[in-house]
Amino acid sequence: MTDPNRPSPDAAYVGAPTIAQEICLIAEASGSHPTDVSADREFRLRKAALLDRLALQERARNGVLAAADAEDAANVAAEWLVEYDVAHGGLSRKGRDLVLAEDYRDYVRTEYAAWSDAQAA
């Protein structure tokens, strides 16, 4: 069951660039190799959020079965972010276990909303 304290996809991505803009930003960033943890994490977070948004869009347009590949990619990217946060001290192993018991993508949405709010401030 999803945590009711986590933002819905609409709330998490309310201020996000369009999917096309985000793809361009991620493509630009993928050519560089961030030397600091925060830039590397931002890249991983934005990529996971983009894949989540694409999966949500695919599901809304074509249904659950048609969205399976997009959902798989979004789940892998979300897990990639969770494991990165564990490795770099942003999430404890117990925290990871709690996230894994729920939904990786809820974690991405929560983290994206917090990151987005911090960018706006």
C-alpha atoms as a PDB file:
ATOM      1  CA  MET A   1       0.000   0.000   0.000  1.00  0.00           C
ATOM      2  CA  THR A   2       1.249   3.458  -0.887  1.00  0.00           C
ATOM      3  CA  ASP A   3       2.056   5.886   1.924  1.00  0.00           C
ATOM      4  CA  PRO A   4      -0.660   8.588   2.025  1.00  0.00           C
ATOM      5  CA  ASN A   5       1.949  11.141   3.145  1.00  0.00           C
ATOM      6  CA  ARG A   6       3.803  10.833  -0.139  1.00  0.00           C
ATOM      7  CA  PRO A   7       2.855  13.181  -2.966  1.00  0.00           C
ATOM      8  CA  SER A   8       0.726  12.010  -5.853  1.00  0.00           C
ATOM      9  CA  PRO A   9       2.449  12.055  -9.231  1.00  0.00           C
ATOM     10  CA  ASP A  10       0.564  15.248 -10.135  1.00  0.00           C
ATOM     11  CA  ALA A  11       1.724  16.965  -6.953  1.00  0.00           C
ATOM     12  CA  ALA A  12       5.301  15.698  -7.245  1.00  0.00           C
ATOM     13  CA  TYR A  13       5.752  16.841 -10.824  1.00  0.00           C
ATOM     14  CA  VAL A  14       3.660  20.024 -10.760  1.00  0.00           C
ATOM     15  CA  GLY A  15       6.625  22.302 -11.529  1.00  0.00           C
ATOM     16  CA  ALA A  16       8.592  19.877 -13.675  1.00  0.00           C
ATOM     17  CA  PRO A  17       9.730  20.797 -17.159  1.00  0.00           C
ATOM     18  CA  THR A  18       7.868  19.148 -19.994  1.00  0.00           C
ATOM     19  CA  ILE A  19       8.945  15.597 -20.746  1.00  0.00           C
ATOM     20  CA  ALA A  20      10.647  16.775 -23.948  1.00  0.00           C
ATOM     21  CA  GLN A  21      12.552  19.495 -22.053  1.00  0.00           C
ATOM     22  CA  GLU A  22      13.578  17.030 -19.357  1.00  0.00           C
ATOM     23  CA  ILE A  23      14.857  14.567 -21.960  1.00  0.00           C
ATOM     24  CA  CYS A  24      17.058  17.325 -23.410  1.00  0.00           C
ATOM     25  CA  LEU A  25      18.360  18.320 -19.962  1.00  0.00           C
ATOM     26  CA  ILE A  26      19.161  14.726 -19.062  1.00  0.00           C
ATOM     27  CA  ALA A  27      20.807  14.109 -22.428  1.00  0.00           C
ATOM     28  CA  GLU A  28      23.032  17.143 -21.870  1.00  0.00           C
ATOM     29  CA  ALA A  29      23.914  16.009 -18.362  1.00  0.00           C
ATOM     30  CA  SER A  30      24.636  12.434 -19.436  1.00  0.00           C
ATOM     31  CA  GLY A  31      27.562  13.632 -21.524  1.00  0.00           C
ATOM     32  CA  SER A  32      29.270  15.050 -18.461  1.00  0.00           C
ATOM     33  CA  HIS A  33      30.582  13.051 -15.584  1.00  0.00           C
ATOM     34  CA  PRO A  34      29.606  14.823 -12.376  1.00  0.00           C
ATOM     35  CA  THR A  35      32.458  15.042  -9.942  1.00  0.00           C
ATOM     36  CA  ASP A  36      30.356  15.799  -6.890  1.00  0.00           C
ATOM     37  CA  VAL A  37      27.769  13.613  -5.242  1.00  0.00           C
ATOM     38  CA  SER A  38      24.984  16.212  -5.371  1.00  0.00           C
ATOM     39  CA  ALA A  39      25.242  16.646  -9.165  1.00  0.00           C
ATOM     40  CA  ASP A  40      25.382  12.883  -9.655  1.00  0.00           C
ATOM     41  CA  ARG A  41      22.357  12.409  -7.407  1.00  0.00           C
ATOM     42  CA  GLU A  42      20.450  15.161  -9.195  1.00  0.00           C
ATOM     43  CA  PHE A  43      21.074  13.405 -12.522  1.00  0.00           C
ATOM     44  CA  ARG A  44      19.863  10.083 -11.113  1.00  0.00           C
ATOM     45  CA  LEU A  45      16.822  11.699  -9.490  1.00  0.00           C
ATOM     46  CA  ARG A  46      15.813  13.559 -12.635  1.00  0.00           C
ATOM     47  CA  LYS A  47      16.277  10.464 -14.774  1.00  0.00           C
ATOM     48  CA  ALA A  48      14.190   8.335 -12.393  1.00  0.00           C
ATOM     49  CA  ALA A  49      11.482  11.010 -12.301  1.00  0.00           C
ATOM     50  CA  LEU A  50      11.470  11.265 -16.090  1.00  0.00           C
ATOM     51  CA  LEU A  51      11.073   7.517 -16.487  1.00  0.00           C
ATOM     52  CA  ASP A  52       8.314   7.546 -13.867  1.00  0.00           C
ATOM     53  CA  ARG A  53       6.487  10.282 -15.760  1.00  0.00           C
ATOM     54  CA  LEU A  54       6.864   8.410 -19.047  1.00  0.00           C
ATOM     55  CA  ALA A  55       5.517   5.212 -17.475  1.00  0.00           C
ATOM     56  CA  LEU A  56       2.548   7.078 -16.012  1.00  0.00           C
ATOM     57  CA  GLN A  57       1.860   8.661 -19.385  1.00  0.00           C
ATOM     58  CA  GLU A  58       2.144   5.322 -21.186  1.00  0.00           C
ATOM     59  CA  ARG A  59      -0.217   3.674 -18.726  1.00  0.00           C
ATOM     60  CA  ALA A  60      -2.779   6.477 -19.064  1.00  0.00           C
ATOM     61  CA  ARG A  61      -2.671   6.339 -22.856  1.00  0.00           C
ATOM     62  CA  ASN A  62      -2.385   2.624 -23.548  1.00  0.00           C
ATOM     63  CA  GLY A  63      -3.249   0.690 -20.408  1.00  0.00           C
ATOM     64  CA  VAL A  64      -1.338  -1.413 -17.925  1.00  0.00           C
ATOM     65  CA  LEU A  65      -0.206  -4.188 -20.259  1.00  0.00           C
ATOM     66  CA  ALA A  66       1.107  -1.814 -22.896  1.00  0.00           C
ATOM     67  CA  ALA A  67       3.016   0.132 -20.254  1.00  0.00           C
ATOM     68  CA  ALA A  68       4.930  -2.877 -18.885  1.00  0.00           C
ATOM     69  CA  ASP A  69       8.294  -1.970 -20.434  1.00  0.00           C
ATOM     70  CA  ALA A  70       8.016   1.656 -19.363  1.00  0.00           C
ATOM     71  CA  GLU A  71       7.001   0.562 -15.871  1.00  0.00           C
ATOM     72  CA  ASP A  72       9.999  -1.787 -15.681  1.00  0.00           C
ATOM     73  CA  ALA A  73      12.393   0.975 -16.743  1.00  0.00           C
ATOM     74  CA  ALA A  74      10.902   3.362 -14.181  1.00  0.00           C
ATOM     75  CA  ASN A  75      11.216   0.752 -11.426  1.00  0.00           C
ATOM     76  CA  VAL A  76      14.853   0.033 -12.295  1.00  0.00           C
ATOM     77  CA  ALA A  77      15.733   3.741 -12.296  1.00  0.00           C
ATOM     78  CA  ALA A  78      13.928   4.230  -8.987  1.00  0.00           C
ATOM     79  CA  GLU A  79      15.811   1.325  -7.419  1.00  0.00           C
ATOM     80  CA  TRP A  80      19.044   2.775  -8.838  1.00  0.00           C
ATOM     81  CA  LEU A  81      18.306   6.043  -6.995  1.00  0.00           C
ATOM     82  CA  VAL A  82      17.450   4.245  -3.741  1.00  0.00           C
ATOM     83  CA  GLU A  83      20.673   2.225  -3.829  1.00  0.00           C
ATOM     84  CA  TYR A  84      22.670   5.366  -4.673  1.00  0.00           C
ATOM     85  CA  ASP A  85      21.171   7.155  -1.675  1.00  0.00           C
ATOM     86  CA  VAL A  86      22.032   4.219   0.588  1.00  0.00           C
ATOM     87  CA  ALA A  87      25.613   4.136  -0.707  1.00  0.00           C
ATOM     88  CA  HIS A  88      26.064   7.872  -0.211  1.00  0.00           C
ATOM     89  CA  GLY A  89      24.437   8.252   3.195  1.00  0.00           C
ATOM     90  CA  GLY A  90      21.198   9.854   2.044  1.00  0.00           C
ATOM     91  CA  LEU A  91      19.181   6.830   3.113  1.00  0.00           C
ATOM     92  CA  SER A  92      19.885   4.236   5.765  1.00  0.00           C
ATOM     93  CA  ARG A  93      19.606   0.525   5.103  1.00  0.00           C
ATOM     94  CA  LYS A  94      16.518   0.461   7.318  1.00  0.00           C
ATOM     95  CA  GLY A  95      15.112   3.356   5.304  1.00  0.00           C
ATOM     96  CA  ARG A  96      15.807   1.391   2.130  1.00  0.00           C
ATOM     97  CA  ASP A  97      13.947  -1.590   3.532  1.00  0.00           C
ATOM     98  CA  LEU A  98      10.960   0.636   4.283  1.00  0.00           C
ATOM     99  CA  VAL A  99      11.062   2.089   0.765  1.00  0.00           C
ATOM    100  CA  LEU A 100      11.330  -1.377  -0.743  1.00  0.00           C
ATOM    101  CA  ALA A 101       8.321  -2.519   1.254  1.00  0.00           C
ATOM    102  CA  GLU A 102       6.305   0.252  -0.385  1.00  0.00           C
ATOM    103  CA  ASP A 103       7.119   1.475  -3.877  1.00  0.00           C
ATOM    104  CA  TYR A 104      10.419   2.699  -5.291  1.00  0.00           C
ATOM    105  CA  ARG A 105       8.615   5.183  -7.446  1.00  0.00           C
ATOM    106  CA  ASP A 106       6.839   6.779  -4.480  1.00  0.00           C
ATOM    107  CA  TYR A 107      10.317   7.466  -3.122  1.00  0.00           C
ATOM    108  CA  VAL A 108      11.310   9.113  -6.409  1.00  0.00           C
ATOM    109  CA  ARG A 109       8.204  11.305  -6.323  1.00  0.00           C
ATOM    110  CA  THR A 110       8.841  12.360  -2.727  1.00  0.00           C
ATOM    111  CA  GLU A 111      12.488  13.119  -3.413  1.00  0.00           C
ATOM    112  CA  TYR A 112      11.700  14.941  -6.657  1.00  0.00           C
ATOM    113  CA  ALA A 113       9.083  17.113  -4.940  1.00  0.00           C
ATOM    114  CA  ALA A 114      11.580  18.016  -2.194  1.00  0.00           C
ATOM    115  CA  TRP A 115      14.326  18.719  -4.731  1.00  0.00           C
ATOM    116  CA  SER A 116      11.967  20.809  -6.875  1.00  0.00           C
ATOM    117  CA  ASP A 117      10.829  22.823  -3.846  1.00  0.00           C
ATOM    118  CA  ALA A 118      14.463  23.464  -2.893  1.00  0.00           C
ATOM    119  CA  GLN A 119      15.234  24.641  -6.440  1.00  0.00           C
ATOM    120  CA  ALA A 120      12.328  27.092  -6.317  1.00  0.00           C
ATOM    121  CA  ALA A 121      13.439  28.569  -2.987  1.00  0.00           C
END
